[in-house]
Amino acid sequence: MWTLTDGAAGNVRQAEALAAAMGAGTATWTLQARTPWRWMAPYRLPGARMAFGPAFAAALEQPPPLVIGCGRQAALATRLARAHGARAVQILDPRLHPAHWDLVIAPSHDRLRGDNVIPVIGSLHPVDDLWLAAARRDFAHLGTLPGPRTAVLVGGATHGGGFDVGDFDRWLTALVAYVRGEGGSVLASTSRRTPAAAVARLQARLEGVPGVLWTGPPADEPPNPYPGLLGWADRIVCTADSVNMLSEAAATNVPVYVAGRAQGRPLRFVEQLQALGRVRPLTTQPEPFAATALRETARVATEVRQRLGWLALD
């Protein structure tokens, strides 16, 4: 099996999560299309076989039985592999008719429909009970922090909208005051998209508050504690802009609160989670509520196996 992505963290995570759930050996390809194919992917212009360079072109002569791609660039690569005999599964809406792939796995809030389309609530990821247990083991020191432990997951601007630092500071100030009052701790993590001004507000507001704040991957820093944040949290606050972070937060067994304003596709996803009762808007006093983990990866992997007869291919 191959996983094919452009190397973007969210795309890699989804492709690898599905491949792992399929339970077969995997070779990972990180591909960057050359021009003009980079601009036109997933459309197959003349000479597309060389779009990703000679190594991938040579590998296409003997593709594996199954390839899994995620993202627009990978959608061209999965098409090419399918043309050479592989079964092709494409994650995310490829912006081209689904019939060009064996299966397309698309977020249900994208409203893509087709006989070979498998809708998924949110995004694919590896978060389940075993993953969370491993996270607690690997980041055991977070379990010594005072409870309740509030995880704060911060995204940033997206293609669909910006990030309101002023609004962020308002709800963060109120949340930190609440945590101080109850004597708990804050486990916070930013993303590559988080504005520097928002990082500065986090650092200022969390000064003197028990917890941890991870803001980037300098070489001298310990590993990103993000898995530990999910594993040890008693509640999770997540900004509304990130479908991936919200999906992974919703896969835990604790209440999830959505902070800030969503727009476009993330807004439809937030509304879907609210309708399911899995998340609530953040208020000045985040009241606890019963939380049931929302996990889609294993279900999707089972459906892929059934539709493709994977046991016969493996």
C-alpha atoms as a PDB file:
ATOM      1  CA  MET A   1       0.000   0.000   0.000  1.00  0.00           C
ATOM      2  CA  TRP A   2       1.144   3.565  -0.700  1.00  0.00           C
ATOM      3  CA  THR A   3       0.129   6.769   1.036  1.00  0.00           C
ATOM      4  CA  LEU A   4       0.457   9.814  -1.215  1.00  0.00           C
ATOM      5  CA  THR A   5       0.427  13.400   0.085  1.00  0.00           C
ATOM      6  CA  ASP A   6       2.026  16.785  -0.453  1.00  0.00           C
ATOM      7  CA  GLY A   7       3.587  16.628   3.025  1.00  0.00           C
ATOM      8  CA  ALA A   8       1.070  19.002   4.651  1.00  0.00           C
ATOM      9  CA  ALA A   9       0.601  17.824   8.231  1.00  0.00           C
ATOM     10  CA  GLY A  10      -3.184  17.511   8.036  1.00  0.00           C
ATOM     11  CA  ASN A  11      -3.075  15.543   4.789  1.00  0.00           C
ATOM     12  CA  VAL A  12      -0.342  13.215   6.033  1.00  0.00           C
ATOM     13  CA  ARG A  13      -2.234  12.556   9.247  1.00  0.00           C
ATOM     14  CA  GLN A  14      -5.425  11.553   7.455  1.00  0.00           C
ATOM     15  CA  ALA A  15      -3.736   9.293   4.897  1.00  0.00           C
ATOM     16  CA  GLU A  16      -1.590   7.571   7.500  1.00  0.00           C
ATOM     17  CA  ALA A  17      -4.525   7.139   9.898  1.00  0.00           C
ATOM     18  CA  LEU A  18      -6.579   5.347   7.267  1.00  0.00           C
ATOM     19  CA  ALA A  19      -3.634   3.205   6.140  1.00  0.00           C
ATOM     20  CA  ALA A  20      -2.934   2.157   9.740  1.00  0.00           C
ATOM     21  CA  ALA A  21      -6.587   1.287  10.274  1.00  0.00           C
ATOM     22  CA  MET A  22      -6.462  -0.845   7.122  1.00  0.00           C
ATOM     23  CA  GLY A  23      -3.733  -2.875   8.804  1.00  0.00           C
ATOM     24  CA  ALA A  24      -1.248  -3.400   5.969  1.00  0.00           C
ATOM     25  CA  GLY A  25       2.364  -2.445   5.311  1.00  0.00           C
ATOM     26  CA  THR A  26       2.714   1.042   3.894  1.00  0.00           C
ATOM     27  CA  ALA A  27       5.224   2.962   1.801  1.00  0.00           C
ATOM     28  CA  THR A  28       4.956   6.730   2.211  1.00  0.00           C
ATOM     29  CA  TRP A  29       5.362   9.128  -0.708  1.00  0.00           C
ATOM     30  CA  THR A  30       5.667  12.893  -0.210  1.00  0.00           C
ATOM     31  CA  LEU A  31       5.074  14.419  -3.623  1.00  0.00           C
ATOM     32  CA  GLN A  32       5.355  17.902  -5.092  1.00  0.00           C
ATOM     33  CA  ALA A  33       4.055  18.208  -8.641  1.00  0.00           C
ATOM     34  CA  ARG A  34       6.116  20.098 -11.173  1.00  0.00           C
ATOM     35  CA  THR A  35       4.598  22.911 -13.184  1.00  0.00           C
ATOM     36  CA  PRO A  36       2.241  22.997 -15.013  1.00  0.00           C
ATOM     37  CA  TRP A  37       0.703  19.958 -13.274  1.00  0.00           C
ATOM     38  CA  ARG A  38       1.023  21.664  -9.885  1.00  0.00           C
ATOM     39  CA  TRP A  39      -1.464  24.298 -11.006  1.00  0.00           C
ATOM     40  CA  MET A  40      -3.877  21.896 -12.683  1.00  0.00           C
ATOM     41  CA  ALA A  41      -3.950  18.871 -10.358  1.00  0.00           C
ATOM     42  CA  PRO A  42      -5.905  16.616 -10.298  1.00  0.00           C
ATOM     43  CA  TYR A  43      -6.481  17.138 -14.042  1.00  0.00           C
ATOM     44  CA  ARG A  44      -4.251  14.956 -16.192  1.00  0.00           C
ATOM     45  CA  LEU A  45      -2.424  17.142 -18.671  1.00  0.00           C
ATOM     46  CA  PRO A  46      -0.269  15.503 -21.375  1.00  0.00           C
ATOM     47  CA  GLY A  47       2.875  14.011 -19.846  1.00  0.00           C
ATOM     48  CA  ALA A  48       1.299  13.771 -16.375  1.00  0.00           C
ATOM     49  CA  ARG A  49       3.162  10.525 -15.714  1.00  0.00           C
ATOM     50  CA  MET A  50       6.274  12.664 -15.086  1.00  0.00           C
ATOM     51  CA  ALA A  51       4.438  15.236 -12.959  1.00  0.00           C
ATOM     52  CA  PHE A  52       6.117  14.025  -9.751  1.00  0.00           C
ATOM     53  CA  GLY A  53       9.534  13.226 -11.172  1.00  0.00           C
ATOM     54  CA  PRO A  54      11.298  10.132 -12.502  1.00  0.00           C
ATOM     55  CA  ALA A  55      11.309   8.119  -9.251  1.00  0.00           C
ATOM     56  CA  PHE A  56       7.528   8.139  -8.942  1.00  0.00           C
ATOM     57  CA  ALA A  57       7.115   7.594 -12.687  1.00  0.00           C
ATOM     58  CA  ALA A  58       9.303   4.478 -12.460  1.00  0.00           C
ATOM     59  CA  ALA A  59       7.411   3.218  -9.397  1.00  0.00           C
ATOM     60  CA  LEU A  60       4.151   3.481 -11.319  1.00  0.00           C
ATOM     61  CA  GLU A  61       5.290   0.576 -13.465  1.00  0.00           C
ATOM     62  CA  GLN A  62       4.582  -1.728 -10.503  1.00  0.00           C
ATOM     63  CA  PRO A  63       2.133  -0.012  -8.159  1.00  0.00           C
ATOM     64  CA  PRO A  64       0.768  -1.773  -5.060  1.00  0.00           C
ATOM     65  CA  PRO A  65      -2.797  -3.117  -4.986  1.00  0.00           C
ATOM     66  CA  LEU A  66      -4.019  -0.019  -3.098  1.00  0.00           C
ATOM     67  CA  VAL A  67      -3.004   3.641  -2.883  1.00  0.00           C
ATOM     68  CA  ILE A  68      -4.411   6.214  -0.461  1.00  0.00           C
ATOM     69  CA  GLY A  69      -4.037   9.905  -1.205  1.00  0.00           C
ATOM     70  CA  CYS A  70      -5.064  13.068   0.610  1.00  0.00           C
ATOM     71  CA  GLY A  71      -5.162  16.565  -0.866  1.00  0.00           C
ATOM     72  CA  ARG A  72      -5.402  18.030  -4.355  1.00  0.00           C
ATOM     73  CA  GLN A  73      -1.819  17.258  -5.418  1.00  0.00           C
ATOM     74  CA  ALA A  74      -2.155  13.672  -4.250  1.00  0.00           C
ATOM     75  CA  ALA A  75      -5.402  13.359  -6.201  1.00  0.00           C
ATOM     76  CA  LEU A  76      -3.388  13.488  -9.418  1.00  0.00           C
ATOM     77  CA  ALA A  77      -0.944  10.883  -8.078  1.00  0.00           C
ATOM     78  CA  THR A  78      -3.754   8.509  -7.092  1.00  0.00           C
ATOM     79  CA  ARG A  79      -5.293   8.922 -10.564  1.00  0.00           C
ATOM     80  CA  LEU A  80      -1.971   8.009 -12.154  1.00  0.00           C
ATOM     81  CA  ALA A  81      -1.570   4.952  -9.909  1.00  0.00           C
ATOM     82  CA  ARG A  82      -5.093   3.830 -10.760  1.00  0.00           C
ATOM     83  CA  ALA A  83      -4.339   4.126 -14.470  1.00  0.00           C
ATOM     84  CA  HIS A  84      -1.460   1.681 -13.873  1.00  0.00           C
ATOM     85  CA  GLY A  85      -3.626  -0.897 -12.102  1.00  0.00           C
ATOM     86  CA  ALA A  86      -3.858   0.168  -8.444  1.00  0.00           C
ATOM     87  CA  ARG A  87      -7.112   0.660  -6.558  1.00  0.00           C
ATOM     88  CA  ALA A  88      -7.252   4.338  -5.601  1.00  0.00           C
ATOM     89  CA  VAL A  89      -8.799   5.883  -2.481  1.00  0.00           C
ATOM     90  CA  GLN A  90      -8.799   9.676  -2.343  1.00  0.00           C
ATOM     91  CA  ILE A  91      -9.395  11.579   0.907  1.00  0.00           C
ATOM     92  CA  LEU A  92     -10.996  15.064   0.689  1.00  0.00           C
ATOM     93  CA  ASP A  93     -13.053  16.422  -2.164  1.00  0.00           C
ATOM     94  CA  PRO A  94     -10.760  16.282  -5.223  1.00  0.00           C
ATOM     95  CA  ARG A  95     -12.800  18.982  -7.035  1.00  0.00           C
ATOM     96  CA  LEU A  96     -13.298  16.568  -9.906  1.00  0.00           C
ATOM     97  CA  HIS A  97     -15.953  13.906 -10.495  1.00  0.00           C
ATOM     98  CA  PRO A  98     -15.503  11.044  -7.986  1.00  0.00           C
ATOM     99  CA  ALA A  99     -15.657   8.483 -10.803  1.00  0.00           C
ATOM    100  CA  HIS A 100     -11.940   9.094 -11.443  1.00  0.00           C
ATOM    101  CA  TRP A 101     -11.181   7.147  -8.230  1.00  0.00           C
ATOM    102  CA  ASP A 102     -12.381   3.850  -6.804  1.00  0.00           C
ATOM    103  CA  LEU A 103     -13.484   5.568  -3.601  1.00  0.00           C
ATOM    104  CA  VAL A 104     -13.541   9.160  -2.383  1.00  0.00           C
ATOM    105  CA  ILE A 105     -13.718   9.876   1.355  1.00  0.00           C
ATOM    106  CA  ALA A 106     -15.060  13.379   1.911  1.00  0.00           C
ATOM    107  CA  PRO A 107     -16.232  15.336   4.960  1.00  0.00           C
ATOM    108  CA  SER A 108     -20.013  15.213   5.051  1.00  0.00           C
ATOM    109  CA  HIS A 109     -20.095  18.998   5.572  1.00  0.00           C
ATOM    110  CA  ASP A 110     -18.586  19.341   2.064  1.00  0.00           C
ATOM    111  CA  ARG A 111     -21.810  17.813   0.677  1.00  0.00           C
ATOM    112  CA  LEU A 112     -20.067  15.714  -1.980  1.00  0.00           C
ATOM    113  CA  ARG A 113     -22.306  12.895  -3.175  1.00  0.00           C
ATOM    114  CA  GLY A 114     -21.779   9.844  -5.363  1.00  0.00           C
ATOM    115  CA  ASP A 115     -22.100   6.066  -5.377  1.00  0.00           C
ATOM    116  CA  ASN A 116     -18.393   5.710  -4.551  1.00  0.00           C
ATOM    117  CA  VAL A 117     -18.263   8.539  -1.985  1.00  0.00           C
ATOM    118  CA  ILE A 118     -17.917   7.656   1.709  1.00  0.00           C
ATOM    119  CA  PRO A 119     -18.974  10.631   3.861  1.00  0.00           C
ATOM    120  CA  VAL A 120     -17.065  11.159   7.101  1.00  0.00           C
ATOM    121  CA  ILE A 121     -17.899  13.430  10.023  1.00  0.00           C
ATOM    122  CA  GLY A 122     -14.891  15.739  10.185  1.00  0.00           C
ATOM    123  CA  SER A 123     -11.470  14.330   9.371  1.00  0.00           C
ATOM    124  CA  LEU A 124      -9.678  11.004   9.753  1.00  0.00           C
ATOM    125  CA  HIS A 125      -7.140  10.631  12.563  1.00  0.00           C
ATOM    126  CA  PRO A 126      -5.591   8.006  14.861  1.00  0.00           C
ATOM    127  CA  VAL A 127      -7.237   9.088  18.135  1.00  0.00           C
ATOM    128  CA  ASP A 128      -8.858   6.177  19.980  1.00  0.00           C
ATOM    129  CA  ASP A 129      -8.588   4.644  23.462  1.00  0.00           C
ATOM    130  CA  LEU A 130      -5.221   2.987  22.769  1.00  0.00           C
ATOM    131  CA  TRP A 131      -3.823   6.201  21.276  1.00  0.00           C
ATOM    132  CA  LEU A 132      -4.977   8.216  24.293  1.00  0.00           C
ATOM    133  CA  ALA A 133      -3.520   5.662  26.717  1.00  0.00           C
ATOM    134  CA  ALA A 134      -0.163   5.841  24.910  1.00  0.00           C
ATOM    135  CA  ALA A 135      -0.330   9.640  25.074  1.00  0.00           C
ATOM    136  CA  ARG A 136      -0.854   9.553  28.826  1.00  0.00           C
ATOM    137  CA  ARG A 137       2.083   7.163  29.179  1.00  0.00           C
ATOM    138  CA  ASP A 138       4.410   9.227  26.982  1.00  0.00           C
ATOM    139  CA  PHE A 139       3.502  12.511  28.668  1.00  0.00           C
ATOM    140  CA  ALA A 140       2.955  11.243  32.198  1.00  0.00           C
ATOM    141  CA  HIS A 141       4.268  14.484  33.718  1.00  0.00           C
ATOM    142  CA  LEU A 142       1.123  16.288  32.523  1.00  0.00           C
ATOM    143  CA  GLY A 143      -0.907  14.052  34.801  1.00  0.00           C
ATOM    144  CA  THR A 144       0.762  15.643  37.836  1.00  0.00           C
ATOM    145  CA  LEU A 145      -0.694  19.071  37.006  1.00  0.00           C
ATOM    146  CA  PRO A 146      -3.624  20.230  39.148  1.00  0.00           C
ATOM    147  CA  GLY A 147      -7.102  19.451  37.904  1.00  0.00           C
ATOM    148  CA  PRO A 148      -9.365  20.159  36.312  1.00  0.00           C
ATOM    149  CA  ARG A 149      -6.944  20.283  33.365  1.00  0.00           C
ATOM    150  CA  THR A 150      -8.198  22.478  30.508  1.00  0.00           C
ATOM    151  CA  ALA A 151      -6.625  21.841  27.093  1.00  0.00           C
ATOM    152  CA  VAL A 152      -6.652  24.888  24.804  1.00  0.00           C
ATOM    153  CA  LEU A 153      -6.042  24.159  21.104  1.00  0.00           C
ATOM    154  CA  VAL A 154      -5.436  27.291  19.034  1.00  0.00           C
ATOM    155  CA  GLY A 155      -5.548  27.457  15.239  1.00  0.00           C
ATOM    156  CA  GLY A 156      -5.404  30.556  13.107  1.00  0.00           C
ATOM    157  CA  ALA A 157      -6.392  32.133   9.827  1.00  0.00           C
ATOM    158  CA  THR A 158      -7.668  29.878   7.027  1.00  0.00           C
ATOM    159  CA  HIS A 159      -8.436  30.299   3.333  1.00  0.00           C
ATOM    160  CA  GLY A 160     -12.016  30.991   4.355  1.00  0.00           C
ATOM    161  CA  GLY A 161     -11.364  33.681   6.944  1.00  0.00           C
ATOM    162  CA  GLY A 162      -9.008  35.473   9.288  1.00  0.00           C
ATOM    163  CA  PHE A 163      -8.292  35.115  12.987  1.00  0.00           C
ATOM    164  CA  ASP A 164      -9.667  37.815  15.314  1.00  0.00           C
ATOM    165  CA  VAL A 165      -6.930  38.315  17.909  1.00  0.00           C
ATOM    166  CA  GLY A 166      -9.079  40.747  19.910  1.00  0.00           C
ATOM    167  CA  ASP A 167     -11.912  38.217  20.234  1.00  0.00           C
ATOM    168  CA  PHE A 168      -9.356  35.528  21.066  1.00  0.00           C
ATOM    169  CA  ASP A 169      -7.939  37.637  23.885  1.00  0.00           C
ATOM    170  CA  ARG A 170     -11.400  38.296  25.320  1.00  0.00           C
ATOM    171  CA  TRP A 171     -12.466  34.693  25.622  1.00  0.00           C
ATOM    172  CA  LEU A 172      -8.983  33.552  26.698  1.00  0.00           C
ATOM    173  CA  THR A 173      -8.911  36.131  29.512  1.00  0.00           C
ATOM    174  CA  ALA A 174     -12.292  34.945  30.783  1.00  0.00           C
ATOM    175  CA  LEU A 175     -11.292  31.280  30.530  1.00  0.00           C
ATOM    176  CA  VAL A 176      -8.008  31.772  32.390  1.00  0.00           C
ATOM    177  CA  ALA A 177      -9.821  33.668  35.154  1.00  0.00           C
ATOM    178  CA  TYR A 178     -12.230  30.745  35.481  1.00  0.00           C
ATOM    179  CA  VAL A 179      -9.375  28.224  35.657  1.00  0.00           C
ATOM    180  CA  ARG A 180      -7.555  30.317  38.269  1.00  0.00           C
ATOM    181  CA  GLY A 181     -10.731  30.412  40.331  1.00  0.00           C
ATOM    182  CA  GLU A 182     -11.195  26.640  40.313  1.00  0.00           C
ATOM    183  CA  GLY A 183      -7.516  25.945  40.962  1.00  0.00           C
ATOM    184  CA  GLY A 184      -6.879  23.933  37.815  1.00  0.00           C
ATOM    185  CA  SER A 185      -4.285  24.083  35.032  1.00  0.00           C
ATOM    186  CA  VAL A 186      -4.100  24.925  31.324  1.00  0.00           C
ATOM    187  CA  LEU A 187      -2.506  22.717  28.677  1.00  0.00           C
ATOM    188  CA  ALA A 188      -2.195  24.920  25.581  1.00  0.00           C
ATOM    189  CA  SER A 189      -0.874  24.364  22.090  1.00  0.00           C
ATOM    190  CA  THR A 190      -0.752  26.615  19.020  1.00  0.00           C
ATOM    191  CA  SER A 191      -0.509  25.680  15.347  1.00  0.00           C
ATOM    192  CA  ARG A 192       1.557  26.867  12.391  1.00  0.00           C
ATOM    193  CA  ARG A 193      -1.340  29.175  11.527  1.00  0.00           C
ATOM    194  CA  THR A 194      -1.533  30.933  14.895  1.00  0.00           C
ATOM    195  CA  PRO A 195      -0.694  34.654  14.558  1.00  0.00           C
ATOM    196  CA  ALA A 196       2.301  35.902  16.532  1.00  0.00           C
ATOM    197  CA  ALA A 197       0.022  38.391  18.321  1.00  0.00           C
ATOM    198  CA  ALA A 198      -2.169  35.542  19.556  1.00  0.00           C
ATOM    199  CA  VAL A 199       0.879  33.606  20.775  1.00  0.00           C
ATOM    200  CA  ALA A 200       1.983  36.687  22.703  1.00  0.00           C
ATOM    201  CA  ARG A 201      -1.464  36.992  24.327  1.00  0.00           C
ATOM    202  CA  LEU A 202      -1.323  33.335  25.340  1.00  0.00           C
ATOM    203  CA  GLN A 203       2.081  33.745  26.911  1.00  0.00           C
ATOM    204  CA  ALA A 204       0.940  36.832  28.829  1.00  0.00           C
ATOM    205  CA  ARG A 205      -2.405  35.447  30.016  1.00  0.00           C
ATOM    206  CA  LEU A 206      -0.956  32.097  31.127  1.00  0.00           C
ATOM    207  CA  GLU A 207       1.895  33.576  33.124  1.00  0.00           C
ATOM    208  CA  GLY A 208       1.726  32.106  36.618  1.00  0.00           C
ATOM    209  CA  VAL A 209      -0.975  29.581  35.684  1.00  0.00           C
ATOM    210  CA  PRO A 210      -0.010  25.921  36.237  1.00  0.00           C
ATOM    211  CA  GLY A 211       0.274  24.038  32.984  1.00  0.00           C
ATOM    212  CA  VAL A 212       2.196  23.904  29.735  1.00  0.00           C
ATOM    213  CA  LEU A 213       2.276  26.048  26.584  1.00  0.00           C
ATOM    214  CA  TRP A 214       3.721  24.692  23.340  1.00  0.00           C
ATOM    215  CA  THR A 215       4.208  27.240  20.574  1.00  0.00           C
ATOM    216  CA  GLY A 216       6.525  25.636  18.064  1.00  0.00           C
ATOM    217  CA  PRO A 217       9.215  23.096  17.267  1.00  0.00           C
ATOM    218  CA  PRO A 218      12.664  24.640  17.952  1.00  0.00           C
ATOM    219  CA  ALA A 219      15.384  22.023  17.961  1.00  0.00           C
ATOM    220  CA  ASP A 220      16.078  22.448  21.667  1.00  0.00           C
ATOM    221  CA  GLU A 221      12.442  21.985  22.743  1.00  0.00           C
ATOM    222  CA  PRO A 222      10.948  18.660  23.860  1.00  0.00           C
ATOM    223  CA  PRO A 223       8.479  16.890  21.542  1.00  0.00           C
ATOM    224  CA  ASN A 224       5.132  18.480  20.838  1.00  0.00           C
ATOM    225  CA  PRO A 225       2.952  17.514  23.843  1.00  0.00           C
ATOM    226  CA  TYR A 226      -0.260  17.710  21.786  1.00  0.00           C
ATOM    227  CA  PRO A 227      -1.078  13.992  22.261  1.00  0.00           C
ATOM    228  CA  GLY A 228      -0.628  14.423  26.005  1.00  0.00           C
ATOM    229  CA  LEU A 229      -2.940  17.423  25.991  1.00  0.00           C
ATOM    230  CA  LEU A 230      -5.720  15.286  24.547  1.00  0.00           C
ATOM    231  CA  GLY A 231      -4.883  12.348  26.782  1.00  0.00           C
ATOM    232  CA  TRP A 232      -4.825  14.239  30.080  1.00  0.00           C
ATOM    233  CA  ALA A 233      -7.496  16.907  29.502  1.00  0.00           C
ATOM    234  CA  ASP A 234     -10.614  17.047  31.659  1.00  0.00           C
ATOM    235  CA  ARG A 235     -12.122  19.466  29.141  1.00  0.00           C
ATOM    236  CA  ILE A 236     -10.989  20.805  25.773  1.00  0.00           C
ATOM    237  CA  VAL A 237     -11.396  24.282  24.312  1.00  0.00           C
ATOM    238  CA  CYS A 238     -10.697  24.439  20.571  1.00  0.00           C
ATOM    239  CA  THR A 239     -10.851  27.363  18.184  1.00  0.00           C
ATOM    240  CA  ALA A 240     -13.557  27.086  15.559  1.00  0.00           C
ATOM    241  CA  ASP A 241     -11.281  27.307  12.515  1.00  0.00           C
ATOM    242  CA  SER A 242      -9.712  23.833  12.516  1.00  0.00           C
ATOM    243  CA  VAL A 243     -11.699  20.807  11.311  1.00  0.00           C
ATOM    244  CA  ASN A 244      -8.747  18.530  12.121  1.00  0.00           C
ATOM    245  CA  MET A 245      -8.263  19.723  15.712  1.00  0.00           C
ATOM    246  CA  LEU A 246     -12.000  19.680  16.406  1.00  0.00           C
ATOM    247  CA  SER A 247     -12.265  16.157  14.981  1.00  0.00           C
ATOM    248  CA  GLU A 248      -9.484  14.892  17.236  1.00  0.00           C
ATOM    249  CA  ALA A 249     -10.825  16.717  20.291  1.00  0.00           C
ATOM    250  CA  ALA A 250     -14.254  15.174  19.646  1.00  0.00           C
ATOM    251  CA  ALA A 251     -12.639  11.718  19.610  1.00  0.00           C
ATOM    252  CA  THR A 252     -11.745  12.001  23.306  1.00  0.00           C
ATOM    253  CA  ASN A 253     -14.109  11.227  26.157  1.00  0.00           C
ATOM    254  CA  VAL A 254     -14.306  14.744  27.615  1.00  0.00           C
ATOM    255  CA  PRO A 255     -16.472  17.818  26.908  1.00  0.00           C
ATOM    256  CA  VAL A 256     -15.341  19.993  23.993  1.00  0.00           C
ATOM    257  CA  TYR A 257     -16.075  23.715  23.777  1.00  0.00           C
ATOM    258  CA  VAL A 258     -15.745  25.745  20.577  1.00  0.00           C
ATOM    259  CA  ALA A 259     -14.240  29.218  20.891  1.00  0.00           C
ATOM    260  CA  GLY A 260     -14.251  32.035  18.363  1.00  0.00           C
ATOM    261  CA  ARG A 261     -16.116  32.363  15.109  1.00  0.00           C
ATOM    262  CA  ALA A 262     -16.120  29.854  12.273  1.00  0.00           C
ATOM    263  CA  GLN A 263     -16.730  30.648   8.616  1.00  0.00           C
ATOM    264  CA  GLY A 264     -17.422  28.611   5.496  1.00  0.00           C
ATOM    265  CA  ARG A 265     -16.733  24.882   5.694  1.00  0.00           C
ATOM    266  CA  PRO A 266     -15.533  24.914   9.343  1.00  0.00           C
ATOM    267  CA  LEU A 267     -18.783  26.647  10.312  1.00  0.00           C
ATOM    268  CA  ARG A 268     -20.823  23.836   8.751  1.00  0.00           C
ATOM    269  CA  PHE A 269     -18.722  21.308  10.670  1.00  0.00           C
ATOM    270  CA  VAL A 270     -19.144  23.142  13.979  1.00  0.00           C
ATOM    271  CA  GLU A 271     -22.904  23.260  13.411  1.00  0.00           C
ATOM    272  CA  GLN A 272     -22.870  19.524  12.691  1.00  0.00           C
ATOM    273  CA  LEU A 273     -21.014  18.772  15.932  1.00  0.00           C
ATOM    274  CA  GLN A 274     -23.394  20.988  17.888  1.00  0.00           C
ATOM    275  CA  ALA A 275     -26.407  19.212  16.383  1.00  0.00           C
ATOM    276  CA  LEU A 276     -24.883  15.897  17.485  1.00  0.00           C
ATOM    277  CA  GLY A 277     -24.432  17.273  21.002  1.00  0.00           C
ATOM    278  CA  ARG A 278     -20.683  16.617  20.893  1.00  0.00           C
ATOM    279  CA  VAL A 279     -19.537  20.225  21.340  1.00  0.00           C
ATOM    280  CA  ARG A 280     -20.899  23.380  22.900  1.00  0.00           C
ATOM    281  CA  PRO A 281     -19.996  27.036  22.439  1.00  0.00           C
ATOM    282  CA  LEU A 282     -17.515  28.327  25.016  1.00  0.00           C
ATOM    283  CA  THR A 283     -19.078  30.518  27.669  1.00  0.00           C
ATOM    284  CA  THR A 284     -17.521  32.324  30.620  1.00  0.00           C
ATOM    285  CA  GLN A 285     -18.387  29.276  32.739  1.00  0.00           C
ATOM    286  CA  PRO A 286     -17.945  26.058  30.717  1.00  0.00           C
ATOM    287  CA  GLU A 287     -20.487  23.802  32.391  1.00  0.00           C
ATOM    288  CA  PRO A 288     -19.699  20.062  32.165  1.00  0.00           C
ATOM    289  CA  PHE A 289     -21.831  17.828  29.965  1.00  0.00           C
ATOM    290  CA  ALA A 290     -21.921  14.151  29.068  1.00  0.00           C
ATOM    291  CA  ALA A 291     -19.459  13.421  26.252  1.00  0.00           C
ATOM    292  CA  THR A 292     -19.383  10.416  23.961  1.00  0.00           C
ATOM    293  CA  ALA A 293     -16.301   9.984  21.785  1.00  0.00           C
ATOM    294  CA  LEU A 294     -16.927  10.579  18.073  1.00  0.00           C
ATOM    295  CA  ARG A 295     -14.586   8.378  16.009  1.00  0.00           C
ATOM    296  CA  GLU A 296     -14.868   7.739  12.294  1.00  0.00           C
ATOM    297  CA  THR A 297     -11.555   6.224  11.152  1.00  0.00           C
ATOM    298  CA  ALA A 298     -12.258   2.592  12.075  1.00  0.00           C
ATOM    299  CA  ARG A 299     -15.727   2.753  10.520  1.00  0.00           C
ATOM    300  CA  VAL A 300     -14.381   4.240   7.293  1.00  0.00           C
ATOM    301  CA  ALA A 301     -11.571   1.657   7.113  1.00  0.00           C
ATOM    302  CA  THR A 302     -14.110  -1.149   7.484  1.00  0.00           C
ATOM    303  CA  GLU A 303     -16.247   0.301   4.700  1.00  0.00           C
ATOM    304  CA  VAL A 304     -13.215   0.695   2.428  1.00  0.00           C
ATOM    305  CA  ARG A 305     -12.304  -2.953   3.040  1.00  0.00           C
ATOM    306  CA  GLN A 306     -15.827  -4.104   2.260  1.00  0.00           C
ATOM    307  CA  ARG A 307     -16.214  -2.035  -0.891  1.00  0.00           C
ATOM    308  CA  LEU A 308     -12.828  -2.953  -2.337  1.00  0.00           C
ATOM    309  CA  GLY A 309     -12.698  -6.535  -1.129  1.00  0.00           C
ATOM    310  CA  TRP A 310      -9.407  -5.687   0.560  1.00  0.00           C
ATOM    311  CA  LEU A 311      -8.982  -9.108   2.138  1.00  0.00           C
ATOM    312  CA  ALA A 312      -8.723 -10.506  -1.376  1.00  0.00           C
ATOM    313  CA  LEU A 313      -6.132  -7.872  -2.291  1.00  0.00           C
ATOM    314  CA  ASP A 314      -4.000  -8.046   0.837  1.00  0.00           C
END
